[in-house]
Structure formats: structure tokens, C-alpha cells
Amino acid sequence: MLWMAHILDMNIRKVDLGSLVALDRLLAERSLSRVARDVGLSQPAMSHMLARIRRIFNDPLLVRDGSAMVLTAEGVELKARLEVALPELLALFSPTRFVPMESRTTFKLAITDHAGQVLLPRLLGELREQAPHVQISISVIPNRQTDLEELDRGQFDLRVGWLRSLPPHWHRRKLMTDSIVLIGAIDHPDLVEPLTIERFVALDHVALQSDRPIYPNLIDSYLSSKQLHRNVVAHVSHFSLVPSIIASTRMVAMLPRRLAEEQARLGQIQIVKPPLEFPDNDLSMAWHPRIHVAVEYVWLRKLIATFCKAPL
């Protein structure tokens, strides 16, 4: 039993689970007053807890840099360790099964415009059937690295979309692969197949572009690699704006096939095979380690994966 004696000699005896939860939030949000309010502590009590943790680790963990708080090197390492270990520890005290019909969980979901249009109608309908008392908070956001910072602070728990980069400790699952197609109005006079490359690039294109464009770069970078440049006459910030523009103009746009097929079923646009094979894109979901073993989120991830016909 020497290992037990060794553990009892360690600082673990000085740390309770509540302090670890508060510390995890503090290292993520870097605001003493906000975290104290969220975990139900007074600010003096939160300051006392932080001082005790600092003594245990013999490091300040958080230091002031102007008006902001920043992590020390030890703080960064401790934050990464807590994000992996704390969910497993908390799972010991969590329900071992999830009963959808009885749950009153609130899910916090961040989803891109494209993924939202493909998945949300079915997902929300199924949630009402299987888990009628749950609530879901949905934020439609673009593919940007800054959004991952919001996820890391706990504003969202699950992210669905075209995920270009993720922190190394995050979990990720591929949901589906989507190809890129060309859409135009039903009566567009220039969309006669087979469409040549010369006619394709000369068409009036609508391109998706946010304040930090991601999707347009995929299209235009690929064309550039072929020494081609399309005639972009308008930029919009969301996929949802594109079909109505295309249906009533002589413009065209590149759209993920699944989204294009949903719109084509309404009878206002047509899908045309582009003259080039553009790279496919993977739609994925990613989640923070803090909810990796949470039974309600395990259930939600399986539900989403089922809709996408992905392996569970």
C-alpha cells in the first residue's frame, strides 16, 4: 500500500472537487468576478480559493497584463490537464444513463449556416419527439478560429460545420462528405450541359464571404491552382441568402450538394455539374472535453450522427 501513502502525502488532500471545477472555469474565462458569480461564490471566497491553489502549485497561474488576466506557463499546462481529467472525474457523480423523455437539459449548439440548413429541421423535429422537455440554444456562426475561443469559454458545448482547425485536446467526429455543385435559375439560358470551363468562369457568380472568408478561398484557390479566375459579381455572408438570389437572377453560385438538393426540391433552382471536380468537404462535429462523457451529450452526438448516416 505504499502508493496510497504516497498519494496521502501529496497536495491532493488540500484540493476539493468544487475548487477544481471553479479553477477550470477561471483558467478558461480569466475573470475572477464572473466565475465567482457563476459558481455561487463571493469574490473574496474565490480569491481565497485561488490563493490556496497558487500555494499548492507554487505558481501564480493567472497574472495581470494591463487590464487583462493571462495564464502563466504552468497555468496553460494545468488548464490542458484539467480539460482532460475533470470530465472523467465529474462523471463519477453524474447519472449513468440518459432518459430523453424525462430530461430537461439545455443543449448549447454552435452550427454553421450550411450545416444548420441541412441538419436542424430533422434534428429539432426528432428532439421534440424523443426528448420533449429539453431545450436547445442554437447560434449560427461562420467558420472562424475566433469562434473556437467562444467554445473554449463555455458559451457553446458542441460545434457542427466545416472545421478547419481545432485545439489538440478537442474531440472530433466526421459526419458526412459533401461535394460542391453549381446552381442557377431554372430558366438560366447559359446553363446548357456539358458546361465548358470557359463558359463557367465567365458566368456571373455569387460568392460566400464573411469578415474572414473561408469557403470562397476553397473555390477560388482551387481555380487559381488551375490558372483560372471566375467572374464574381456579388458577395454574401450566408448560404441562406444564395438560393433566392439565384432563382430570380441570371447569376450562379457554388453550393454544397446536400444544401443545393434541398433547394432544388422547391423547384426554383437547378443543379449543374461544374466542368471541374472541386475537392469534397467534410462536415464534422467537435466538442469540448468537458462534455465528452456527459451522458446527455453522448446521446445528442449519436442522434446527429444517425441523421448523417455516419458510423457511431
Protein backbone atom coordinates (compact mmCIF):
# COMPACT_ATOMS: atom_id res chain seq x y z
CA MET A 1 0.00 0.00 0.00
CA LEU A 2 2.95 2.30 -0.48
CA TRP A 3 1.17 4.04 -3.35
CA MET A 4 -1.68 5.01 -1.02
CA ALA A 5 0.72 6.54 1.47
CA HIS A 6 2.37 8.44 -1.37
CA ILE A 7 -0.97 9.86 -2.51
CA LEU A 8 -1.86 10.94 1.03
CA ASP A 9 1.43 12.83 1.22
CA MET A 10 0.59 14.80 -1.92
CA ASN A 11 -1.25 18.10 -2.17
CA ILE A 12 -4.34 16.27 -3.38
CA ARG A 13 -5.62 16.29 0.20
CA LYS A 14 -5.74 20.09 0.05
CA VAL A 15 -7.93 20.30 -3.06
CA ASP A 16 -11.67 19.56 -3.22
CA LEU A 17 -13.68 18.84 -6.36
CA GLY A 18 -15.56 22.14 -6.16
CA SER A 19 -12.28 24.03 -6.20
CA LEU A 20 -11.14 22.12 -9.28
CA VAL A 21 -14.39 22.98 -11.09
CA ALA A 22 -14.03 26.65 -10.17
CA LEU A 23 -10.35 26.63 -11.15
CA ASP A 24 -11.17 25.05 -14.53
CA ARG A 25 -13.69 27.85 -15.23
CA LEU A 26 -11.28 30.50 -14.00
CA LEU A 27 -8.42 29.35 -16.21
CA ALA A 28 -10.79 29.31 -19.20
CA GLU A 29 -12.59 32.63 -18.60
CA ARG A 30 -9.86 34.54 -16.73
CA SER A 31 -12.37 36.65 -14.80
CA LEU A 32 -12.50 36.26 -11.02
CA SER A 33 -15.78 38.13 -10.56
CA ARG A 34 -17.65 36.39 -13.41
CA VAL A 35 -16.59 32.89 -12.40
CA ALA A 36 -17.35 33.60 -8.72
CA ARG A 37 -20.86 34.63 -9.71
CA ASP A 38 -21.34 31.60 -11.96
CA VAL A 39 -20.22 29.04 -9.37
CA GLY A 40 -22.04 30.71 -6.48
CA LEU A 41 -19.08 32.04 -4.51
CA SER A 42 -18.40 35.51 -3.20
CA GLN A 43 -15.45 37.27 -4.79
CA PRO A 44 -13.42 37.14 -1.54
CA ALA A 45 -14.07 33.39 -1.32
CA MET A 46 -12.98 32.98 -4.93
CA SER A 47 -9.82 34.99 -4.26
CA HIS A 48 -9.09 32.85 -1.21
CA MET A 49 -9.54 29.67 -3.26
CA LEU A 50 -7.19 30.94 -5.96
CA ALA A 51 -4.56 31.91 -3.36
CA ARG A 52 -4.74 28.39 -1.89
CA ILE A 53 -4.38 26.78 -5.31
CA ARG A 54 -1.43 29.05 -6.10
CA ARG A 55 0.33 27.88 -2.95
CA ILE A 56 -0.33 24.24 -3.80
CA PHE A 57 1.15 24.58 -7.29
CA ASN A 58 3.77 27.11 -6.22
CA ASP A 59 2.83 29.27 -9.20
CA PRO A 60 0.55 32.31 -9.70
CA LEU A 61 -1.26 30.54 -12.61
CA LEU A 62 -3.02 33.81 -13.56
CA VAL A 63 -1.26 37.18 -13.70
CA ARG A 64 -2.44 40.62 -14.69
CA ASP A 65 -1.26 42.06 -18.02
CA GLY A 66 -2.65 45.55 -18.27
CA SER A 67 -6.42 45.27 -17.92
CA ALA A 68 -6.46 41.56 -18.77
CA MET A 69 -5.55 38.37 -16.93
CA VAL A 70 -3.24 35.93 -18.71
CA LEU A 71 -2.11 32.42 -17.89
CA THR A 72 1.41 31.58 -16.84
CA ALA A 73 3.14 28.61 -18.48
CA GLU A 74 2.10 26.47 -15.51
CA GLY A 75 -1.44 27.81 -15.84
CA VAL A 76 -1.60 26.82 -19.52
CA GLU A 77 -0.40 23.29 -18.71
CA LEU A 78 -2.80 22.95 -15.77
CA LYS A 79 -5.72 24.16 -17.91
CA ALA A 80 -5.00 21.48 -20.54
CA ARG A 81 -4.76 18.76 -17.86
CA LEU A 82 -8.00 19.79 -16.20
CA GLU A 83 -9.85 19.76 -19.51
CA VAL A 84 -8.94 16.12 -19.95
CA ALA A 85 -9.18 14.87 -16.36
CA LEU A 86 -12.08 16.83 -14.86
CA PRO A 87 -14.88 15.47 -17.10
CA GLU A 88 -13.89 11.92 -16.22
CA LEU A 89 -13.83 12.80 -12.53
CA LEU A 90 -17.20 14.54 -12.63
CA ALA A 91 -18.67 11.57 -14.47
CA LEU A 92 -18.27 9.56 -11.26
CA PHE A 93 -21.02 11.71 -9.75
CA SER A 94 -23.20 12.02 -12.84
CA PRO A 95 -26.17 9.85 -13.90
CA THR A 96 -25.05 6.70 -15.67
CA ARG A 97 -27.89 6.84 -18.17
CA PHE A 98 -29.88 9.47 -20.01
CA VAL A 99 -33.67 9.27 -20.22
CA PRO A 100 -34.67 11.55 -23.13
CA MET A 101 -38.38 11.65 -22.29
CA GLU A 102 -37.65 12.90 -18.77
CA SER A 103 -34.66 15.17 -19.35
CA ARG A 104 -34.85 18.95 -19.04
CA THR A 105 -31.32 19.51 -20.31
CA THR A 106 -30.42 22.64 -22.26
CA PHE A 107 -28.04 21.89 -25.14
CA LYS A 108 -25.79 24.69 -26.39
CA LEU A 109 -25.00 24.23 -30.07
CA ALA A 110 -22.92 26.33 -32.47
CA ILE A 111 -23.56 25.50 -36.12
CA THR A 112 -22.60 26.94 -39.47
CA ASP A 113 -25.18 28.26 -41.91
CA HIS A 114 -24.71 25.31 -44.26
CA ALA A 115 -24.83 22.64 -41.56
CA GLY A 116 -27.83 24.29 -39.93
CA GLN A 117 -29.91 24.17 -43.08
CA VAL A 118 -29.01 20.53 -43.69
CA LEU A 119 -29.38 19.20 -40.15
CA LEU A 120 -31.56 21.43 -37.99
CA PRO A 121 -35.04 20.73 -39.41
CA ARG A 122 -34.69 16.99 -38.82
CA LEU A 123 -32.76 17.37 -35.56
CA LEU A 124 -35.26 19.71 -33.95
CA GLY A 125 -38.18 17.59 -35.08
CA GLU A 126 -36.60 14.46 -33.65
CA LEU A 127 -35.74 16.21 -30.38
CA ARG A 128 -39.38 17.16 -29.90
CA GLU A 129 -40.36 13.53 -30.44
CA GLN A 130 -37.73 11.84 -28.31
CA ALA A 131 -36.97 14.48 -25.68
CA PRO A 132 -39.95 16.85 -25.48
CA HIS A 133 -38.75 18.73 -22.39
CA VAL A 134 -35.19 19.55 -23.49
CA GLN A 135 -34.28 22.98 -24.79
CA ILE A 136 -31.63 23.76 -27.37
CA SER A 137 -29.79 27.04 -27.74
CA ILE A 138 -28.52 27.45 -31.31
CA SER A 139 -26.09 30.05 -32.59
CA VAL A 140 -25.41 30.17 -36.32
CA ILE A 141 -21.82 31.27 -36.74
CA PRO A 142 -19.26 31.22 -39.58
CA ASN A 143 -16.15 29.07 -39.78
CA ARG A 144 -13.66 31.17 -37.86
CA GLN A 145 -10.88 30.42 -35.43
CA THR A 146 -12.22 33.09 -33.07
CA ASP A 147 -15.40 31.04 -32.63
CA LEU A 148 -13.32 28.29 -31.05
CA GLU A 149 -12.39 30.72 -28.28
CA GLU A 150 -16.10 31.15 -27.51
CA LEU A 151 -16.47 27.39 -27.37
CA ASP A 152 -13.49 27.15 -25.04
CA ARG A 153 -15.10 29.64 -22.65
CA GLY A 154 -18.20 27.51 -22.40
CA GLN A 155 -20.55 29.64 -24.48
CA PHE A 156 -21.20 26.56 -26.62
CA ASP A 157 -20.58 22.87 -25.97
CA LEU A 158 -20.88 21.37 -29.45
CA ARG A 159 -19.87 22.74 -32.83
CA VAL A 160 -21.04 21.44 -36.22
CA GLY A 161 -19.69 22.61 -39.56
CA TRP A 162 -16.65 22.59 -41.80
CA LEU A 163 -13.98 22.61 -39.12
CA ARG A 164 -10.60 23.68 -40.47
CA SER A 165 -8.67 23.73 -37.20
CA LEU A 166 -9.31 22.68 -33.61
CA PRO A 167 -7.37 22.78 -30.34
CA PRO A 168 -5.49 19.49 -29.91
CA HIS A 169 -7.47 18.43 -26.83
CA TRP A 170 -10.86 18.72 -28.54
CA HIS A 171 -12.81 15.72 -29.78
CA ARG A 172 -13.99 15.48 -33.37
CA ARG A 173 -16.16 13.19 -35.49
CA LYS A 174 -16.70 13.27 -39.23
CA LEU A 175 -20.39 13.33 -40.12
CA MET A 176 -20.52 13.36 -43.91
CA THR A 177 -18.67 14.27 -47.08
CA ASP A 178 -20.29 16.84 -49.35
CA SER A 179 -19.39 17.70 -52.92
CA ILE A 180 -19.65 21.15 -54.50
CA VAL A 181 -22.06 21.84 -57.34
CA LEU A 182 -23.16 24.79 -59.44
CA ILE A 183 -26.68 26.19 -59.10
CA GLY A 184 -28.63 28.55 -61.33
CA ALA A 185 -32.18 29.61 -62.10
CA ILE A 186 -34.45 27.03 -63.70
CA ASP A 187 -34.60 29.05 -66.91
CA HIS A 188 -30.97 30.25 -66.97
CA PRO A 189 -30.12 30.40 -70.70
CA ASP A 190 -26.40 29.73 -70.30
CA LEU A 191 -26.53 26.56 -68.20
CA VAL A 192 -26.59 24.04 -71.01
CA GLU A 193 -24.61 20.92 -70.21
CA PRO A 194 -21.92 20.00 -70.79
CA LEU A 195 -20.70 23.32 -69.38
CA THR A 196 -17.25 24.29 -70.63
CA ILE A 197 -14.61 25.80 -68.35
CA GLU A 198 -14.60 28.99 -70.40
CA ARG A 199 -18.36 29.48 -70.02
CA PHE A 200 -18.22 28.52 -66.34
CA VAL A 201 -15.69 31.18 -65.30
CA ALA A 202 -17.42 33.83 -67.45
CA LEU A 203 -20.77 33.41 -65.70
CA ASP A 204 -21.84 35.99 -63.09
CA HIS A 205 -21.01 34.29 -59.78
CA VAL A 206 -22.32 34.97 -56.28
CA ALA A 207 -19.69 34.01 -53.68
CA LEU A 208 -19.92 33.46 -49.96
CA GLN A 209 -17.75 35.79 -47.95
CA SER A 210 -17.68 36.76 -44.27
CA ASP A 211 -15.33 39.15 -42.50
CA ARG A 212 -12.78 36.31 -42.51
CA PRO A 213 -13.63 34.27 -45.62
CA ILE A 214 -13.16 30.53 -45.58
CA TYR A 215 -15.40 28.93 -48.21
CA PRO A 216 -14.58 31.32 -51.07
CA ASN A 217 -10.91 30.52 -50.59
CA LEU A 218 -11.62 26.85 -51.25
CA ILE A 219 -13.26 27.62 -54.59
CA ASP A 220 -11.02 30.41 -55.77
CA SER A 221 -7.80 28.88 -54.50
CA TYR A 222 -8.59 25.73 -56.43
CA LEU A 223 -9.36 27.73 -59.57
CA SER A 224 -6.16 29.70 -59.10
CA SER A 225 -4.19 26.44 -58.98
CA LYS A 226 -5.59 25.78 -62.46
CA GLN A 227 -4.70 29.33 -63.62
CA LEU A 228 -8.41 30.21 -63.68
CA HIS A 229 -10.43 33.05 -62.21
CA ARG A 230 -14.22 33.20 -62.01
CA ASN A 231 -16.27 36.34 -62.53
CA VAL A 232 -17.57 37.13 -59.02
CA VAL A 233 -20.11 39.98 -59.17
CA ALA A 234 -21.57 39.75 -55.64
CA HIS A 235 -20.55 38.55 -52.18
CA VAL A 236 -22.97 37.46 -49.45
CA SER A 237 -22.34 36.46 -45.85
CA HIS A 238 -24.67 33.44 -45.53
CA PHE A 239 -25.60 30.41 -47.61
CA SER A 240 -29.29 31.01 -46.85
CA LEU A 241 -29.26 34.18 -48.96
CA VAL A 242 -27.93 32.48 -52.07
CA PRO A 243 -30.85 30.41 -53.47
CA SER A 244 -33.37 33.27 -53.57
CA ILE A 245 -30.83 35.48 -55.36
CA ILE A 246 -30.02 32.76 -57.87
CA ALA A 247 -33.67 31.88 -58.52
CA SER A 248 -34.58 35.41 -59.65
CA THR A 249 -31.41 36.50 -61.49
CA ARG A 250 -29.01 35.29 -64.15
CA MET A 251 -26.32 34.75 -61.53
CA VAL A 252 -24.91 31.39 -60.47
CA ALA A 253 -23.28 30.10 -57.29
CA MET A 254 -21.26 27.19 -55.96
CA LEU A 255 -23.08 25.36 -53.19
CA PRO A 256 -22.68 22.12 -51.19
CA ARG A 257 -24.68 19.41 -52.92
CA ARG A 258 -26.90 18.47 -49.96
CA LEU A 259 -27.96 22.07 -49.50
CA ALA A 260 -28.45 22.54 -53.23
CA GLU A 261 -30.64 19.44 -53.41
CA GLU A 262 -32.87 20.76 -50.61
CA GLN A 263 -33.37 23.99 -52.57
CA ALA A 264 -33.81 22.23 -55.92
CA ARG A 265 -36.74 20.25 -54.47
CA LEU A 266 -38.60 23.55 -54.11
CA GLY A 267 -38.44 23.91 -57.90
CA GLN A 268 -36.75 27.32 -58.08
CA ILE A 269 -33.18 26.38 -58.97
CA GLN A 270 -31.38 23.74 -60.98
CA ILE A 271 -28.18 21.87 -60.21
CA VAL A 272 -25.49 21.77 -62.88
CA LYS A 273 -22.34 19.69 -62.84
CA PRO A 274 -19.36 22.08 -62.90
CA PRO A 275 -16.68 21.45 -65.52
CA LEU A 276 -14.07 20.86 -62.81
CA GLU A 277 -14.00 18.33 -59.96
CA PHE A 278 -13.76 20.56 -56.92
CA PRO A 279 -12.42 18.99 -53.70
CA ASP A 280 -15.05 17.49 -51.41
CA ASN A 281 -15.63 18.92 -47.96
CA ASP A 282 -16.15 17.09 -44.69
CA LEU A 283 -18.93 18.16 -42.36
CA SER A 284 -17.87 17.39 -38.80
CA MET A 285 -18.89 17.95 -35.22
CA ALA A 286 -16.48 18.82 -32.45
CA TRP A 287 -16.93 19.08 -28.72
CA HIS A 288 -15.07 20.24 -25.67
CA PRO A 289 -13.54 17.62 -23.33
CA ARG A 290 -15.79 18.87 -20.52
CA ILE A 291 -18.81 17.19 -22.17
CA HIS A 292 -17.06 14.18 -23.65
CA VAL A 293 -18.51 11.73 -21.11
CA ALA A 294 -21.71 13.68 -20.29
CA VAL A 295 -24.48 11.15 -20.97
CA GLU A 296 -26.87 13.71 -22.44
CA TYR A 297 -24.29 14.90 -24.97
CA VAL A 298 -23.26 11.36 -25.84
CA TRP A 299 -26.94 10.80 -26.71
CA LEU A 300 -27.13 14.02 -28.76
CA ARG A 301 -23.98 13.22 -30.72
CA LYS A 302 -25.33 9.78 -31.60
CA LEU A 303 -28.60 11.35 -32.74
CA ILE A 304 -26.78 13.82 -35.01
CA ALA A 305 -24.52 11.09 -36.39
CA THR A 306 -27.56 8.95 -37.18
CA PHE A 307 -29.04 11.72 -39.32
CA CYS A 308 -25.79 11.96 -41.24
CA LYS A 309 -25.53 8.17 -41.62
CA ALA A 310 -22.10 8.26 -40.01
CA PRO A 311 -20.62 5.38 -38.00
CA LEU A 312 -21.46 5.78 -34.32
